[in-house]
Amino acid sequence: MRITSSYDARYSLKWTSLYSDIFYDEKFVARANALGLEEAKKIFEVVARGNVSFQDVMRFNEAAQGMIGVDLLAMSYSNDRRQILYNGNFFSNA
């Protein structure tokens, strides 16, 4: 399945049951192994907004596993990258 970002049409996601590939202007950007479709879409849209690297979004998603309503766009690292912040407040150790 191929999906184009609603935020930036230059980004696209190719999803299969084995992996998800992200492209920018048809050039490969990153791959994640075995994400469900909804999880892949969520990560893809955060990356497409251009605020966070793919690796950081994957780490934020991992830290937020099982939590309902967590907005990955509100997550960031502390200046020393030792903590994950949510709206500027401590969320998790990195």
C-alpha atoms as a PDB file:
ATOM      1  CA  MET A   1       0.000   0.000   0.000  1.00  0.00           C
ATOM      2  CA  ARG A   2       1.305   3.461  -0.878  1.00  0.00           C
ATOM      3  CA  ILE A   3       0.184   6.587   1.007  1.00  0.00           C
ATOM      4  CA  THR A   4       0.986  10.246   0.309  1.00  0.00           C
ATOM      5  CA  SER A   5       1.256  12.653   3.230  1.00  0.00           C
ATOM      6  CA  SER A   6      -1.572  15.129   3.683  1.00  0.00           C
ATOM      7  CA  TYR A   7       0.942  17.617   5.135  1.00  0.00           C
ATOM      8  CA  ASP A   8       3.593  17.479   2.433  1.00  0.00           C
ATOM      9  CA  ALA A   9       2.882  15.648  -0.828  1.00  0.00           C
ATOM     10  CA  ARG A  10       6.611  15.099  -1.396  1.00  0.00           C
ATOM     11  CA  TYR A  11       6.514  12.433   1.341  1.00  0.00           C
ATOM     12  CA  SER A  12       5.111   8.980   0.696  1.00  0.00           C
ATOM     13  CA  LEU A  13       4.876   5.757   2.668  1.00  0.00           C
ATOM     14  CA  LYS A  14       5.085   2.273   1.193  1.00  0.00           C
ATOM     15  CA  TRP A  15       3.605  -0.144   3.708  1.00  0.00           C
ATOM     16  CA  THR A  16       3.737  -3.947   3.655  1.00  0.00           C
ATOM     17  CA  SER A  17       3.196  -6.430   6.460  1.00  0.00           C
ATOM     18  CA  LEU A  18       6.989  -6.830   6.699  1.00  0.00           C
ATOM     19  CA  TYR A  19       8.218  -3.230   6.579  1.00  0.00           C
ATOM     20  CA  SER A  20       7.358   0.432   6.042  1.00  0.00           C
ATOM     21  CA  ASP A  21       9.473   2.616   3.753  1.00  0.00           C
ATOM     22  CA  ILE A  22       9.374   6.408   3.790  1.00  0.00           C
ATOM     23  CA  PHE A  23      10.259   8.371   0.649  1.00  0.00           C
ATOM     24  CA  TYR A  24      10.847  12.070   0.031  1.00  0.00           C
ATOM     25  CA  ASP A  25      10.546  13.194  -3.588  1.00  0.00           C
ATOM     26  CA  GLU A  26      10.589   9.495  -4.531  1.00  0.00           C
ATOM     27  CA  LYS A  27      13.979   9.017  -2.803  1.00  0.00           C
ATOM     28  CA  PHE A  28      14.268   6.479   0.004  1.00  0.00           C
ATOM     29  CA  VAL A  29      14.561   8.055   3.480  1.00  0.00           C
ATOM     30  CA  ALA A  30      14.065   5.290   6.052  1.00  0.00           C
ATOM     31  CA  ARG A  31      12.683   1.827   6.771  1.00  0.00           C
ATOM     32  CA  ALA A  32      10.969   0.404   9.828  1.00  0.00           C
ATOM     33  CA  ASN A  33      10.387  -3.298  10.283  1.00  0.00           C
ATOM     34  CA  ALA A  34       6.944  -4.830  10.876  1.00  0.00           C
ATOM     35  CA  LEU A  35       4.790  -1.904  12.015  1.00  0.00           C
ATOM     36  CA  GLY A  36       1.022  -2.182  11.896  1.00  0.00           C
ATOM     37  CA  LEU A  37      -0.614   0.083   9.332  1.00  0.00           C
ATOM     38  CA  GLU A  38      -2.017   2.592  11.862  1.00  0.00           C
ATOM     39  CA  GLU A  39       1.286   2.817  13.729  1.00  0.00           C
ATOM     40  CA  ALA A  40       3.192   3.247  10.465  1.00  0.00           C
ATOM     41  CA  LYS A  41       0.827   6.063   9.386  1.00  0.00           C
ATOM     42  CA  LYS A  42       1.238   7.839  12.722  1.00  0.00           C
ATOM     43  CA  ILE A  43       5.045   7.744  12.546  1.00  0.00           C
ATOM     44  CA  PHE A  44       5.017   8.671   8.860  1.00  0.00           C
ATOM     45  CA  GLU A  45       2.908  11.809   9.406  1.00  0.00           C
ATOM     46  CA  VAL A  46       5.188  13.042  12.199  1.00  0.00           C
ATOM     47  CA  VAL A  47       8.236  12.586   9.960  1.00  0.00           C
ATOM     48  CA  ALA A  48       6.424  14.278   7.040  1.00  0.00           C
ATOM     49  CA  ARG A  49       5.804  17.371   9.143  1.00  0.00           C
ATOM     50  CA  GLY A  50       9.576  17.704   9.242  1.00  0.00           C
ATOM     51  CA  ASN A  51       9.991  18.490  12.927  1.00  0.00           C
ATOM     52  CA  VAL A  52      11.633  15.268  14.070  1.00  0.00           C
ATOM     53  CA  SER A  53      14.006  12.723  12.556  1.00  0.00           C
ATOM     54  CA  PHE A  54      12.749   9.239  11.770  1.00  0.00           C
ATOM     55  CA  GLN A  55      15.010   7.710  14.442  1.00  0.00           C
ATOM     56  CA  ASP A  56      13.703  10.112  17.092  1.00  0.00           C
ATOM     57  CA  VAL A  57      10.063   9.425  16.177  1.00  0.00           C
ATOM     58  CA  MET A  58      10.701   5.686  16.434  1.00  0.00           C
ATOM     59  CA  ARG A  59      12.206   6.164  19.915  1.00  0.00           C
ATOM     60  CA  PHE A  60       9.313   8.401  21.021  1.00  0.00           C
ATOM     61  CA  ASN A  61       6.821   5.854  19.730  1.00  0.00           C
ATOM     62  CA  GLU A  62       8.590   3.103  21.641  1.00  0.00           C
ATOM     63  CA  ALA A  63       8.528   5.166  24.854  1.00  0.00           C
ATOM     64  CA  ALA A  64       4.803   5.853  24.416  1.00  0.00           C
ATOM     65  CA  GLN A  65       3.776   2.226  23.753  1.00  0.00           C
ATOM     66  CA  GLY A  66       0.508   1.340  25.454  1.00  0.00           C
ATOM     67  CA  MET A  67      -0.357   4.950  26.325  1.00  0.00           C
ATOM     68  CA  ILE A  68      -3.568   6.291  24.836  1.00  0.00           C
ATOM     69  CA  GLY A  69      -3.641   9.788  23.390  1.00  0.00           C
ATOM     70  CA  VAL A  70       0.089  10.541  23.429  1.00  0.00           C
ATOM     71  CA  ASP A  71       0.931  13.037  20.683  1.00  0.00           C
ATOM     72  CA  LEU A  72       4.339  12.223  19.190  1.00  0.00           C
ATOM     73  CA  LEU A  73       4.560  15.795  17.888  1.00  0.00           C
ATOM     74  CA  ALA A  74       4.625  17.041  21.486  1.00  0.00           C
ATOM     75  CA  MET A  75       7.671  14.919  22.300  1.00  0.00           C
ATOM     76  CA  SER A  76      11.288  16.060  22.195  1.00  0.00           C
ATOM     77  CA  TYR A  77      14.630  15.361  23.818  1.00  0.00           C
ATOM     78  CA  SER A  78      16.199  17.361  26.620  1.00  0.00           C
ATOM     79  CA  ASN A  79      19.258  19.393  25.611  1.00  0.00           C
ATOM     80  CA  ASP A  80      21.589  16.572  26.699  1.00  0.00           C
ATOM     81  CA  ARG A  81      19.332  13.952  25.003  1.00  0.00           C
ATOM     82  CA  ARG A  82      19.143  11.940  28.226  1.00  0.00           C
ATOM     83  CA  GLN A  83      15.426  12.483  28.737  1.00  0.00           C
ATOM     84  CA  ILE A  84      12.354  12.435  26.545  1.00  0.00           C
ATOM     85  CA  LEU A  85      10.083  15.395  27.194  1.00  0.00           C
ATOM     86  CA  TYR A  86       6.362  15.758  26.567  1.00  0.00           C
ATOM     87  CA  ASN A  87       5.290  19.379  26.148  1.00  0.00           C
ATOM     88  CA  GLY A  88       8.582  20.348  27.790  1.00  0.00           C
ATOM     89  CA  ASN A  89       8.100  18.153  30.879  1.00  0.00           C
ATOM     90  CA  PHE A  90       9.826  14.896  31.802  1.00  0.00           C
ATOM     91  CA  PHE A  91       8.220  11.865  30.147  1.00  0.00           C
ATOM     92  CA  SER A  92      10.875   9.141  30.141  1.00  0.00           C
ATOM     93  CA  ASN A  93      14.572   8.481  30.346  1.00  0.00           C
ATOM     94  CA  ALA A  94      16.108   8.114  26.922  1.00  0.00           C
END
